[in-house]
Amino acid sequence: MARYGKGQAKSWARENMHGHWTTTITPFLPDGELDEDGIAEFVRHILKLGTQGIGITWLTGEFWSLTVEERKRVAEITLDSARDKAFVAVHTSHTALKECIALTQHAQNAGADFAVLMPPYIIARTLPQVYDFFKRVASETDLGIIIFNTPQSGFVLKPRDIAELAEIPNICGVKVATQNVGDVLDTHQLAGDKIVVSAATDEVLFYQDFYGFRQQVLFANPCDWMFDTPGEKNYVKFVEHACRGEMVEAAALYQSKLNPLRQLFRTWMKYLMPKYGGAYPTQFKKVWAEFMGLPAGPVRSPLLPLTDEEKGRLGRGMVEARKEAGLRPPPVAL
């Protein structure tokens, strides 16, 4: 059950969403089935990095390729592995209202801290559609709901739309993943006093002092497990500094330890997204995870794997970026 009542969702989120929250891949076995041991191992690794919370079955987690029962199982394993060690936000989006409600209620009953919803993909094209859908789901759960605002859903919410949705009692946060800094800044201005607002990536953290807002959480980003190891927790420390307003310390860490890896990440995202028609390149993150010694496995159709040439190029890029940052080579030998 939820740790709070529906009426406390907003205040509970404000109090507890701080620092860095990650988002995970969904490990598969070589035959494409769920790697349940791998899911638990991935969570244990993330906990060693010091992240405050874990987001599962999002775009990085290939939710579209999972059956409803598999999505529930990933939630159960993650929650069992992270219980009392980190918060967990379960992505429960579905185009079928009944399935979305069922996934959200399962997340609540399994002990999740938040549910994450994007506008119903494929079909929602107007704010009244999205508002009605979110309100119906929210009425059936006490969990706080965090909006995932991404073009991948097929419909991008405007900052004023977020402010309107924020009036629903247990909508308590938003992840702005539109890749537009202006959207993040406007959402902070229009809805930041109602719900917790986060950008999807870290660049916006450097705008805080200039625009006069404080982003208390980076929700949720995989760069902790992509960049950090248990002995080198630079990304998590950077986010914590920035969310506390310690920008001198944050900038120093970013420039000295993180920027080469961040540039490599951006380069590959810019290369792969056009290649796949704008679809989110989860296969890239799975290969990166393998180089970091983490369980990953294949992607499921219709995603296509990276080519051998791309894998080799990414591996060499990781070696050079980590060397430039003064970090150890990737854990897996290339």
C-alpha atoms as a PDB file:
ATOM      1  CA  MET A   1       0.000   0.000   0.000  1.00  0.00           C
ATOM      2  CA  ALA A   2       1.038   3.631  -0.496  1.00  0.00           C
ATOM      3  CA  ARG A   3       3.036   5.230   2.310  1.00  0.00           C
ATOM      4  CA  TYR A   4       0.666   8.191   2.255  1.00  0.00           C
ATOM      5  CA  GLY A   5      -2.941   9.052   1.447  1.00  0.00           C
ATOM      6  CA  LYS A   6      -4.102  10.561  -1.817  1.00  0.00           C
ATOM      7  CA  GLY A   7      -4.321  13.984  -0.223  1.00  0.00           C
ATOM      8  CA  GLN A   8      -0.706  13.807   0.985  1.00  0.00           C
ATOM      9  CA  ALA A   9       0.832  12.801  -2.358  1.00  0.00           C
ATOM     10  CA  LYS A  10       1.995  16.296  -3.293  1.00  0.00           C
ATOM     11  CA  SER A  11       3.557  17.073   0.076  1.00  0.00           C
ATOM     12  CA  TRP A  12       5.125  13.605   0.332  1.00  0.00           C
ATOM     13  CA  ALA A  13       6.731  14.021  -3.090  1.00  0.00           C
ATOM     14  CA  ARG A  14       8.039  17.474  -2.178  1.00  0.00           C
ATOM     15  CA  GLU A  15       9.581  16.085   0.981  1.00  0.00           C
ATOM     16  CA  ASN A  16      11.098  12.910  -0.461  1.00  0.00           C
ATOM     17  CA  MET A  17      12.068  13.521  -4.097  1.00  0.00           C
ATOM     18  CA  HIS A  18      15.636  14.783  -3.868  1.00  0.00           C
ATOM     19  CA  GLY A  19      18.966  14.203  -5.549  1.00  0.00           C
ATOM     20  CA  HIS A  20      19.457  11.663  -8.294  1.00  0.00           C
ATOM     21  CA  TRP A  21      16.903   9.055  -9.367  1.00  0.00           C
ATOM     22  CA  THR A  22      17.924   6.530 -11.986  1.00  0.00           C
ATOM     23  CA  THR A  23      15.994   4.688 -14.680  1.00  0.00           C
ATOM     24  CA  THR A  24      16.837   1.111 -15.586  1.00  0.00           C
ATOM     25  CA  ILE A  25      16.956  -1.221 -18.522  1.00  0.00           C
ATOM     26  CA  THR A  26      15.081  -4.523 -18.369  1.00  0.00           C
ATOM     27  CA  PRO A  27      17.627  -7.349 -18.612  1.00  0.00           C
ATOM     28  CA  PHE A  28      16.695 -10.272 -20.876  1.00  0.00           C
ATOM     29  CA  LEU A  29      18.193 -13.733 -21.231  1.00  0.00           C
ATOM     30  CA  PRO A  30      19.763 -14.694 -24.587  1.00  0.00           C
ATOM     31  CA  ASP A  31      16.438 -16.210 -25.679  1.00  0.00           C
ATOM     32  CA  GLY A  32      14.622 -12.932 -24.967  1.00  0.00           C
ATOM     33  CA  GLU A  33      12.878 -14.004 -21.765  1.00  0.00           C
ATOM     34  CA  LEU A  34      13.046 -11.933 -18.570  1.00  0.00           C
ATOM     35  CA  ASP A  35      16.330 -12.261 -16.707  1.00  0.00           C
ATOM     36  CA  GLU A  36      14.901 -12.194 -13.182  1.00  0.00           C
ATOM     37  CA  ASP A  37      18.279 -12.665 -11.510  1.00  0.00           C
ATOM     38  CA  GLY A  38      19.674  -9.941 -13.748  1.00  0.00           C
ATOM     39  CA  ILE A  39      16.948  -7.513 -12.717  1.00  0.00           C
ATOM     40  CA  ALA A  40      17.798  -8.048  -9.048  1.00  0.00           C
ATOM     41  CA  GLU A  41      21.538  -7.781  -9.737  1.00  0.00           C
ATOM     42  CA  PHE A  42      21.014  -4.524 -11.638  1.00  0.00           C
ATOM     43  CA  VAL A  43      19.125  -3.055  -8.683  1.00  0.00           C
ATOM     44  CA  ARG A  44      21.816  -4.143  -6.225  1.00  0.00           C
ATOM     45  CA  HIS A  45      24.441  -2.439  -8.378  1.00  0.00           C
ATOM     46  CA  ILE A  46      22.462   0.805  -8.583  1.00  0.00           C
ATOM     47  CA  LEU A  47      22.047   0.890  -4.825  1.00  0.00           C
ATOM     48  CA  LYS A  48      25.845   0.849  -4.469  1.00  0.00           C
ATOM     49  CA  LEU A  49      26.022   4.057  -6.517  1.00  0.00           C
ATOM     50  CA  GLY A  50      24.002   6.024  -3.986  1.00  0.00           C
ATOM     51  CA  THR A  51      20.961   6.882  -6.086  1.00  0.00           C
ATOM     52  CA  GLN A  52      17.892   8.020  -4.153  1.00  0.00           C
ATOM     53  CA  GLY A  53      15.288   6.338  -6.325  1.00  0.00           C
ATOM     54  CA  ILE A  54      14.742   3.928  -9.208  1.00  0.00           C
ATOM     55  CA  GLY A  55      12.419   4.240 -12.194  1.00  0.00           C
ATOM     56  CA  ILE A  56      11.458   1.029 -13.993  1.00  0.00           C
ATOM     57  CA  THR A  57       9.747  -0.102 -17.213  1.00  0.00           C
ATOM     58  CA  TRP A  58      10.064   3.317 -18.861  1.00  0.00           C
ATOM     59  CA  LEU A  59      11.471   3.928 -22.345  1.00  0.00           C
ATOM     60  CA  THR A  60      14.882   2.691 -21.202  1.00  0.00           C
ATOM     61  CA  GLY A  61      13.107  -0.369 -19.771  1.00  0.00           C
ATOM     62  CA  GLU A  62      11.388  -1.355 -23.064  1.00  0.00           C
ATOM     63  CA  PHE A  63       7.909  -1.282 -21.509  1.00  0.00           C
ATOM     64  CA  TRP A  64       6.278  -1.560 -24.937  1.00  0.00           C
ATOM     65  CA  SER A  65       7.805  -5.012 -25.432  1.00  0.00           C
ATOM     66  CA  LEU A  66       6.694  -6.415 -22.067  1.00  0.00           C
ATOM     67  CA  THR A  67       3.446  -8.198 -21.396  1.00  0.00           C
ATOM     68  CA  VAL A  68       1.310  -6.868 -18.566  1.00  0.00           C
ATOM     69  CA  GLU A  69       2.344  -9.832 -16.417  1.00  0.00           C
ATOM     70  CA  GLU A  70       6.026  -9.202 -17.191  1.00  0.00           C
ATOM     71  CA  ARG A  71       5.678  -5.550 -16.225  1.00  0.00           C
ATOM     72  CA  LYS A  72       4.177  -6.618 -12.907  1.00  0.00           C
ATOM     73  CA  ARG A  73       6.961  -9.126 -12.371  1.00  0.00           C
ATOM     74  CA  VAL A  74       9.691  -6.538 -13.043  1.00  0.00           C
ATOM     75  CA  ALA A  75       8.007  -4.285 -10.481  1.00  0.00           C
ATOM     76  CA  GLU A  76       7.836  -7.051  -7.891  1.00  0.00           C
ATOM     77  CA  ILE A  77      11.495  -8.018  -8.282  1.00  0.00           C
ATOM     78  CA  THR A  78      12.672  -4.408  -8.199  1.00  0.00           C
ATOM     79  CA  LEU A  79      10.587  -3.554  -5.160  1.00  0.00           C
ATOM     80  CA  ASP A  80      11.770  -6.646  -3.291  1.00  0.00           C
ATOM     81  CA  SER A  81      15.398  -5.787  -4.099  1.00  0.00           C
ATOM     82  CA  ALA A  82      15.157  -2.061  -3.273  1.00  0.00           C
ATOM     83  CA  ARG A  83      12.779  -2.130  -0.324  1.00  0.00           C
ATOM     84  CA  ASP A  84      13.810   0.348   2.383  1.00  0.00           C
ATOM     85  CA  LYS A  85      16.977   1.161   0.410  1.00  0.00           C
ATOM     86  CA  ALA A  86      15.650   3.431  -2.355  1.00  0.00           C
ATOM     87  CA  PHE A  87      12.343   4.809  -3.587  1.00  0.00           C
ATOM     88  CA  VAL A  88      10.778   3.154  -6.644  1.00  0.00           C
ATOM     89  CA  ALA A  89       8.643   4.740  -9.373  1.00  0.00           C
ATOM     90  CA  VAL A  90       6.843   2.285 -11.676  1.00  0.00           C
ATOM     91  CA  HIS A  91       5.854   3.316 -15.175  1.00  0.00           C
ATOM     92  CA  THR A  92       2.278   2.088 -15.557  1.00  0.00           C
ATOM     93  CA  SER A  93       1.214   3.671 -18.846  1.00  0.00           C
ATOM     94  CA  HIS A  94      -1.057   1.733 -21.180  1.00  0.00           C
ATOM     95  CA  THR A  95      -3.480   2.748 -23.908  1.00  0.00           C
ATOM     96  CA  ALA A  96      -6.225   0.588 -22.375  1.00  0.00           C
ATOM     97  CA  LEU A  97      -7.671   2.402 -19.364  1.00  0.00           C
ATOM     98  CA  LYS A  98      -8.454  -0.817 -17.480  1.00  0.00           C
ATOM     99  CA  GLU A  99      -4.926  -2.148 -17.964  1.00  0.00           C
ATOM    100  CA  CYS A 100      -3.418   1.193 -16.923  1.00  0.00           C
ATOM    101  CA  ILE A 101      -5.500   1.219 -13.748  1.00  0.00           C
ATOM    102  CA  ALA A 102      -4.647  -2.435 -13.050  1.00  0.00           C
ATOM    103  CA  LEU A 103      -0.901  -1.778 -13.477  1.00  0.00           C
ATOM    104  CA  THR A 104      -1.106   1.281 -11.235  1.00  0.00           C
ATOM    105  CA  GLN A 105      -3.040  -0.559  -8.534  1.00  0.00           C
ATOM    106  CA  HIS A 106      -0.575  -3.440  -8.714  1.00  0.00           C
ATOM    107  CA  ALA A 107       2.305  -0.988  -8.249  1.00  0.00           C
ATOM    108  CA  GLN A 108       0.565   0.482  -5.205  1.00  0.00           C
ATOM    109  CA  ASN A 109      -0.162  -2.920  -3.667  1.00  0.00           C
ATOM    110  CA  ALA A 110       3.404  -4.107  -4.320  1.00  0.00           C
ATOM    111  CA  GLY A 111       4.802  -1.130  -2.409  1.00  0.00           C
ATOM    112  CA  ALA A 112       5.815   1.376  -5.088  1.00  0.00           C
ATOM    113  CA  ASP A 113       6.295   4.995  -4.086  1.00  0.00           C
ATOM    114  CA  PHE A 114       4.989   6.551  -7.298  1.00  0.00           C
ATOM    115  CA  ALA A 115       3.356   5.650 -10.582  1.00  0.00           C
ATOM    116  CA  VAL A 116       4.559   7.282 -13.785  1.00  0.00           C
ATOM    117  CA  LEU A 117       2.170   8.024 -16.664  1.00  0.00           C
ATOM    118  CA  MET A 118       2.693   9.402 -20.137  1.00  0.00           C
ATOM    119  CA  PRO A 119      -0.242  10.511 -22.300  1.00  0.00           C
ATOM    120  CA  PRO A 120      -1.898   7.421 -23.825  1.00  0.00           C
ATOM    121  CA  TYR A 121       0.372   6.730 -26.782  1.00  0.00           C
ATOM    122  CA  ILE A 122      -1.019   6.406 -30.314  1.00  0.00           C
ATOM    123  CA  ILE A 123      -4.466   7.834 -29.599  1.00  0.00           C
ATOM    124  CA  ALA A 124      -4.308  10.896 -27.276  1.00  0.00           C
ATOM    125  CA  ARG A 125      -3.935  14.108 -29.277  1.00  0.00           C
ATOM    126  CA  THR A 126      -5.677  16.738 -27.137  1.00  0.00           C
ATOM    127  CA  LEU A 127      -5.425  17.929 -23.546  1.00  0.00           C
ATOM    128  CA  PRO A 128      -9.068  17.010 -22.722  1.00  0.00           C
ATOM    129  CA  GLN A 129      -8.291  13.396 -23.691  1.00  0.00           C
ATOM    130  CA  VAL A 130      -5.177  13.294 -21.539  1.00  0.00           C
ATOM    131  CA  TYR A 131      -6.827  15.081 -18.619  1.00  0.00           C
ATOM    132  CA  ASP A 132      -9.791  12.688 -18.602  1.00  0.00           C
ATOM    133  CA  PHE A 133      -7.514   9.632 -18.801  1.00  0.00           C
ATOM    134  CA  PHE A 134      -5.189  10.822 -16.030  1.00  0.00           C
ATOM    135  CA  LYS A 135      -8.102  11.806 -13.801  1.00  0.00           C
ATOM    136  CA  ARG A 136      -9.719   8.385 -14.201  1.00  0.00           C
ATOM    137  CA  VAL A 137      -6.483   6.580 -13.327  1.00  0.00           C
ATOM    138  CA  ALA A 138      -5.755   8.931 -10.416  1.00  0.00           C
ATOM    139  CA  SER A 139      -9.218   8.340  -8.957  1.00  0.00           C
ATOM    140  CA  GLU A 140      -8.484   4.602  -8.669  1.00  0.00           C
ATOM    141  CA  THR A 141      -5.233   4.841  -6.681  1.00  0.00           C
ATOM    142  CA  ASP A 142      -3.746   6.609  -3.682  1.00  0.00           C
ATOM    143  CA  LEU A 143      -0.288   6.598  -5.294  1.00  0.00           C
ATOM    144  CA  GLY A 144       1.234   9.873  -6.317  1.00  0.00           C
ATOM    145  CA  ILE A 145       1.367  10.080 -10.114  1.00  0.00           C
ATOM    146  CA  ILE A 146       4.275  11.640 -11.966  1.00  0.00           C
ATOM    147  CA  ILE A 147       3.695  12.825 -15.526  1.00  0.00           C
ATOM    148  CA  PHE A 148       6.229  11.688 -18.113  1.00  0.00           C
ATOM    149  CA  ASN A 149       6.099  14.371 -20.804  1.00  0.00           C
ATOM    150  CA  THR A 150       7.929  13.015 -23.840  1.00  0.00           C
ATOM    151  CA  PRO A 151       7.493  13.221 -27.624  1.00  0.00           C
ATOM    152  CA  GLN A 152       7.776   9.419 -27.651  1.00  0.00           C
ATOM    153  CA  SER A 153       4.143   9.253 -26.478  1.00  0.00           C
ATOM    154  CA  GLY A 154       3.020  11.012 -29.654  1.00  0.00           C
ATOM    155  CA  PHE A 155       1.627  14.033 -27.793  1.00  0.00           C
ATOM    156  CA  VAL A 156       3.690  16.677 -26.019  1.00  0.00           C
ATOM    157  CA  LEU A 157       2.046  18.534 -23.169  1.00  0.00           C
ATOM    158  CA  LYS A 158       2.657  22.273 -23.000  1.00  0.00           C
ATOM    159  CA  PRO A 159       3.769  23.811 -19.693  1.00  0.00           C
ATOM    160  CA  ARG A 160       0.293  25.306 -19.193  1.00  0.00           C
ATOM    161  CA  ASP A 161      -1.175  21.818 -19.739  1.00  0.00           C
ATOM    162  CA  ILE A 162       1.057  20.470 -16.972  1.00  0.00           C
ATOM    163  CA  ALA A 163      -0.153  23.236 -14.666  1.00  0.00           C
ATOM    164  CA  GLU A 164      -3.764  22.227 -15.374  1.00  0.00           C
ATOM    165  CA  LEU A 165      -3.080  18.522 -14.778  1.00  0.00           C
ATOM    166  CA  ALA A 166      -1.327  19.465 -11.530  1.00  0.00           C
ATOM    167  CA  GLU A 167      -4.722  20.361 -10.062  1.00  0.00           C
ATOM    168  CA  ILE A 168      -5.589  16.634  -9.876  1.00  0.00           C
ATOM    169  CA  PRO A 169      -5.056  15.791  -6.174  1.00  0.00           C
ATOM    170  CA  ASN A 170      -2.513  12.980  -6.455  1.00  0.00           C
ATOM    171  CA  ILE A 171      -0.572  14.196  -9.471  1.00  0.00           C
ATOM    172  CA  CYS A 172       2.609  15.250  -7.726  1.00  0.00           C
ATOM    173  CA  GLY A 173       5.417  15.593 -10.255  1.00  0.00           C
ATOM    174  CA  VAL A 174       6.515  15.820 -13.871  1.00  0.00           C
ATOM    175  CA  LYS A 175       9.531  14.722 -15.855  1.00  0.00           C
ATOM    176  CA  VAL A 176       9.922  17.122 -18.777  1.00  0.00           C
ATOM    177  CA  ALA A 177      11.621  15.106 -21.518  1.00  0.00           C
ATOM    178  CA  THR A 178      10.833  17.298 -24.519  1.00  0.00           C
ATOM    179  CA  GLN A 179      14.527  18.133 -25.098  1.00  0.00           C
ATOM    180  CA  ASN A 180      13.550  21.815 -24.929  1.00  0.00           C
ATOM    181  CA  VAL A 181      15.086  23.805 -22.089  1.00  0.00           C
ATOM    182  CA  GLY A 182      12.389  26.434 -22.483  1.00  0.00           C
ATOM    183  CA  ASP A 183       9.715  23.852 -21.679  1.00  0.00           C
ATOM    184  CA  VAL A 184      11.490  22.988 -18.434  1.00  0.00           C
ATOM    185  CA  LEU A 185      11.890  26.609 -17.410  1.00  0.00           C
ATOM    186  CA  ASP A 186       8.255  27.442 -18.214  1.00  0.00           C
ATOM    187  CA  THR A 187       7.017  24.336 -16.393  1.00  0.00           C
ATOM    188  CA  HIS A 188       8.973  25.354 -13.299  1.00  0.00           C
ATOM    189  CA  GLN A 189       7.385  28.798 -13.509  1.00  0.00           C
ATOM    190  CA  LEU A 190       3.798  27.650 -14.116  1.00  0.00           C
ATOM    191  CA  ALA A 191       3.635  24.453 -12.073  1.00  0.00           C
ATOM    192  CA  GLY A 192       6.648  24.434  -9.769  1.00  0.00           C
ATOM    193  CA  ASP A 193       4.613  25.639  -6.798  1.00  0.00           C
ATOM    194  CA  LYS A 194       2.092  22.805  -7.281  1.00  0.00           C
ATOM    195  CA  ILE A 195       4.194  19.742  -8.099  1.00  0.00           C
ATOM    196  CA  VAL A 196       7.825  18.630  -8.225  1.00  0.00           C
ATOM    197  CA  VAL A 197       9.316  19.534 -11.613  1.00  0.00           C
ATOM    198  CA  SER A 198      12.337  17.814 -13.123  1.00  0.00           C
ATOM    199  CA  ALA A 199      14.096  17.948 -16.448  1.00  0.00           C
ATOM    200  CA  ALA A 200      15.013  14.636 -18.043  1.00  0.00           C
ATOM    201  CA  THR A 201      18.691  15.514 -18.357  1.00  0.00           C
ATOM    202  CA  ASP A 202      21.180  17.453 -16.290  1.00  0.00           C
ATOM    203  CA  GLU A 203      21.855  20.499 -18.493  1.00  0.00           C
ATOM    204  CA  VAL A 204      18.993  22.465 -16.979  1.00  0.00           C
ATOM    205  CA  LEU A 205      20.621  22.320 -13.546  1.00  0.00           C
ATOM    206  CA  PHE A 206      23.050  25.013 -14.689  1.00  0.00           C
ATOM    207  CA  TYR A 207      20.151  27.384 -15.465  1.00  0.00           C
ATOM    208  CA  GLN A 208      18.797  27.390 -11.921  1.00  0.00           C
ATOM    209  CA  ASP A 209      20.508  30.442 -10.494  1.00  0.00           C
ATOM    210  CA  PHE A 210      20.053  32.474 -13.651  1.00  0.00           C
ATOM    211  CA  TYR A 211      16.291  31.871 -13.797  1.00  0.00           C
ATOM    212  CA  GLY A 212      15.671  31.801 -10.072  1.00  0.00           C
ATOM    213  CA  PHE A 213      14.362  28.297  -9.445  1.00  0.00           C
ATOM    214  CA  ARG A 214      15.699  25.269  -7.617  1.00  0.00           C
ATOM    215  CA  GLN A 215      15.239  21.786  -9.109  1.00  0.00           C
ATOM    216  CA  GLN A 216      15.316  19.442  -6.130  1.00  0.00           C
ATOM    217  CA  VAL A 217      15.616  16.171  -8.075  1.00  0.00           C
ATOM    218  CA  LEU A 218      16.862  14.781 -11.363  1.00  0.00           C
ATOM    219  CA  PHE A 219      14.059  12.345 -12.153  1.00  0.00           C
ATOM    220  CA  ALA A 220      15.075   9.994 -13.655  1.00  0.00           C
ATOM    221  CA  ASN A 221      18.265   9.536 -15.639  1.00  0.00           C
ATOM    222  CA  PRO A 222      20.463   6.463 -16.316  1.00  0.00           C
ATOM    223  CA  CYS A 223      23.783   8.301 -16.243  1.00  0.00           C
ATOM    224  CA  ASP A 224      24.594   7.007 -12.767  1.00  0.00           C
ATOM    225  CA  TRP A 225      25.027   3.397 -13.888  1.00  0.00           C
ATOM    226  CA  MET A 226      26.305   4.457 -17.315  1.00  0.00           C
ATOM    227  CA  PHE A 227      29.072   6.684 -15.884  1.00  0.00           C
ATOM    228  CA  ASP A 228      29.673   5.677 -12.259  1.00  0.00           C
ATOM    229  CA  THR A 229      31.052   2.634 -10.501  1.00  0.00           C
ATOM    230  CA  PRO A 230      30.768   1.912  -6.756  1.00  0.00           C
ATOM    231  CA  GLY A 231      34.249   3.383  -6.310  1.00  0.00           C
ATOM    232  CA  GLU A 232      33.659   6.443  -8.514  1.00  0.00           C
ATOM    233  CA  LYS A 233      30.270   8.027  -7.757  1.00  0.00           C
ATOM    234  CA  ASN A 234      30.851  11.251  -9.661  1.00  0.00           C
ATOM    235  CA  TYR A 235      27.503  11.623 -11.407  1.00  0.00           C
ATOM    236  CA  VAL A 236      25.400  11.044  -8.312  1.00  0.00           C
ATOM    237  CA  LYS A 237      27.568  13.510  -6.363  1.00  0.00           C
ATOM    238  CA  PHE A 238      27.277  16.082  -9.160  1.00  0.00           C
ATOM    239  CA  VAL A 239      23.472  15.899  -9.129  1.00  0.00           C
ATOM    240  CA  GLU A 240      23.336  16.124  -5.348  1.00  0.00           C
ATOM    241  CA  HIS A 241      25.553  19.233  -5.372  1.00  0.00           C
ATOM    242  CA  ALA A 242      23.430  20.875  -8.083  1.00  0.00           C
ATOM    243  CA  CYS A 243      20.116  20.085  -6.395  1.00  0.00           C
ATOM    244  CA  ARG A 244      21.430  21.667  -3.179  1.00  0.00           C
ATOM    245  CA  GLY A 245      22.488  24.772  -5.076  1.00  0.00           C
ATOM    246  CA  GLU A 246      26.207  24.041  -4.664  1.00  0.00           C
ATOM    247  CA  MET A 247      26.959  25.038  -8.240  1.00  0.00           C
ATOM    248  CA  VAL A 248      30.686  25.687  -7.893  1.00  0.00           C
ATOM    249  CA  GLU A 249      31.224  22.147  -6.665  1.00  0.00           C
ATOM    250  CA  ALA A 250      28.788  20.761  -9.260  1.00  0.00           C
ATOM    251  CA  ALA A 251      30.500  22.554 -12.145  1.00  0.00           C
ATOM    252  CA  ALA A 252      33.976  21.460 -11.054  1.00  0.00           C
ATOM    253  CA  LEU A 253      32.907  17.817 -10.914  1.00  0.00           C
ATOM    254  CA  TYR A 254      31.063  18.033 -14.225  1.00  0.00           C
ATOM    255  CA  GLN A 255      33.983  19.592 -16.058  1.00  0.00           C
ATOM    256  CA  SER A 256      36.670  17.329 -14.616  1.00  0.00           C
ATOM    257  CA  LYS A 257      34.949  13.933 -14.468  1.00  0.00           C
ATOM    258  CA  LEU A 258      31.702  13.885 -16.411  1.00  0.00           C
ATOM    259  CA  ASN A 259      31.815  16.068 -19.505  1.00  0.00           C
ATOM    260  CA  PRO A 260      33.726  13.608 -21.752  1.00  0.00           C
ATOM    261  CA  LEU A 261      31.203  10.856 -20.986  1.00  0.00           C
ATOM    262  CA  ARG A 262      28.272  13.244 -21.382  1.00  0.00           C
ATOM    263  CA  GLN A 263      29.573  14.292 -24.804  1.00  0.00           C
ATOM    264  CA  LEU A 264      29.896  10.652 -25.854  1.00  0.00           C
ATOM    265  CA  PHE A 265      26.331   9.988 -24.674  1.00  0.00           C
ATOM    266  CA  ARG A 266      24.978  12.977 -26.635  1.00  0.00           C
ATOM    267  CA  THR A 267      26.879  12.005 -29.774  1.00  0.00           C
ATOM    268  CA  TRP A 268      25.359   8.533 -29.815  1.00  0.00           C
ATOM    269  CA  MET A 269      21.848   9.751 -29.076  1.00  0.00           C
ATOM    270  CA  LYS A 270      22.100  12.251 -31.931  1.00  0.00           C
ATOM    271  CA  TYR A 271      23.379   9.524 -34.251  1.00  0.00           C
ATOM    272  CA  LEU A 272      20.905   6.776 -33.370  1.00  0.00           C
ATOM    273  CA  MET A 273      17.623   8.634 -32.998  1.00  0.00           C
ATOM    274  CA  PRO A 274      17.531   9.793 -36.659  1.00  0.00           C
ATOM    275  CA  LYS A 275      18.716   6.360 -37.762  1.00  0.00           C
ATOM    276  CA  TYR A 276      15.655   4.779 -36.153  1.00  0.00           C
ATOM    277  CA  GLY A 277      13.210   7.479 -37.203  1.00  0.00           C
ATOM    278  CA  GLY A 278      13.215   9.270 -33.850  1.00  0.00           C
ATOM    279  CA  ALA A 279      12.490   6.126 -31.799  1.00  0.00           C
ATOM    280  CA  TYR A 280      14.217   5.908 -28.451  1.00  0.00           C
ATOM    281  CA  PRO A 281      17.494   3.908 -28.829  1.00  0.00           C
ATOM    282  CA  THR A 282      17.339   1.549 -25.863  1.00  0.00           C
ATOM    283  CA  GLN A 283      19.668  -0.869 -27.669  1.00  0.00           C
ATOM    284  CA  PHE A 284      22.479   1.678 -27.257  1.00  0.00           C
ATOM    285  CA  LYS A 285      22.013   1.765 -23.483  1.00  0.00           C
ATOM    286  CA  LYS A 286      21.944  -2.020 -23.282  1.00  0.00           C
ATOM    287  CA  VAL A 287      25.301  -2.273 -25.036  1.00  0.00           C
ATOM    288  CA  TRP A 288      26.692   0.441 -22.762  1.00  0.00           C
ATOM    289  CA  ALA A 289      25.428  -1.554 -19.773  1.00  0.00           C
ATOM    290  CA  GLU A 290      27.235  -4.668 -21.023  1.00  0.00           C
ATOM    291  CA  PHE A 291      30.504  -2.718 -21.242  1.00  0.00           C
ATOM    292  CA  MET A 292      29.899  -1.608 -17.644  1.00  0.00           C
ATOM    293  CA  GLY A 293      29.637  -5.259 -16.610  1.00  0.00           C
ATOM    294  CA  LEU A 294      25.891  -5.159 -15.998  1.00  0.00           C
ATOM    295  CA  PRO A 295      23.245  -7.702 -17.021  1.00  0.00           C
ATOM    296  CA  ALA A 296      21.497  -6.509 -20.165  1.00  0.00           C
ATOM    297  CA  GLY A 297      20.884  -9.084 -22.870  1.00  0.00           C
ATOM    298  CA  PRO A 298      19.230  -8.449 -26.223  1.00  0.00           C
ATOM    299  CA  VAL A 299      16.474  -6.012 -27.116  1.00  0.00           C
ATOM    300  CA  ARG A 300      13.124  -7.284 -28.299  1.00  0.00           C
ATOM    301  CA  SER A 301      11.639  -6.730 -31.737  1.00  0.00           C
ATOM    302  CA  PRO A 302      10.864  -4.283 -33.251  1.00  0.00           C
ATOM    303  CA  LEU A 303      14.067  -2.794 -31.832  1.00  0.00           C
ATOM    304  CA  LEU A 304      17.154  -3.765 -33.815  1.00  0.00           C
ATOM    305  CA  PRO A 305      20.513  -4.447 -32.152  1.00  0.00           C
ATOM    306  CA  LEU A 306      23.572  -2.318 -32.742  1.00  0.00           C
ATOM    307  CA  THR A 307      25.841  -3.659 -35.451  1.00  0.00           C
ATOM    308  CA  ASP A 308      29.203  -5.160 -34.530  1.00  0.00           C
ATOM    309  CA  GLU A 309      30.867  -2.077 -35.993  1.00  0.00           C
ATOM    310  CA  GLU A 310      28.722   0.206 -33.834  1.00  0.00           C
ATOM    311  CA  LYS A 311      29.440  -1.845 -30.725  1.00  0.00           C
ATOM    312  CA  GLY A 312      33.173  -1.629 -31.380  1.00  0.00           C
ATOM    313  CA  ARG A 313      32.991   2.102 -31.996  1.00  0.00           C
ATOM    314  CA  LEU A 314      30.987   2.688 -28.824  1.00  0.00           C
ATOM    315  CA  GLY A 315      33.412   0.578 -26.776  1.00  0.00           C
ATOM    316  CA  ARG A 316      36.418   2.483 -28.077  1.00  0.00           C
ATOM    317  CA  GLY A 317      34.629   5.746 -27.393  1.00  0.00           C
ATOM    318  CA  MET A 318      33.950   4.704 -23.804  1.00  0.00           C
ATOM    319  CA  VAL A 319      37.622   3.844 -23.263  1.00  0.00           C
ATOM    320  CA  GLU A 320      38.747   7.238 -24.577  1.00  0.00           C
ATOM    321  CA  ALA A 321      36.076   9.220 -22.710  1.00  0.00           C
ATOM    322  CA  ARG A 322      36.820   7.524 -19.407  1.00  0.00           C
ATOM    323  CA  LYS A 323      40.544   8.022 -19.948  1.00  0.00           C
ATOM    324  CA  GLU A 324      40.002  11.732 -20.655  1.00  0.00           C
ATOM    325  CA  ALA A 325      37.970  11.986 -17.446  1.00  0.00           C
ATOM    326  CA  GLY A 326      40.692  10.248 -15.434  1.00  0.00           C
ATOM    327  CA  LEU A 327      38.459   7.233 -14.760  1.00  0.00           C
ATOM    328  CA  ARG A 328      39.156   3.519 -14.900  1.00  0.00           C
ATOM    329  CA  PRO A 329      38.445   1.768 -18.213  1.00  0.00           C
ATOM    330  CA  PRO A 330      35.025   0.133 -18.669  1.00  0.00           C
ATOM    331  CA  PRO A 331      34.792  -2.938 -16.424  1.00  0.00           C
ATOM    332  CA  VAL A 332      34.406  -5.297 -19.396  1.00  0.00           C
ATOM    333  CA  ALA A 333      37.579  -5.665 -21.431  1.00  0.00           C
ATOM    334  CA  LEU A 334      37.164  -4.647 -25.077  1.00  0.00           C
END
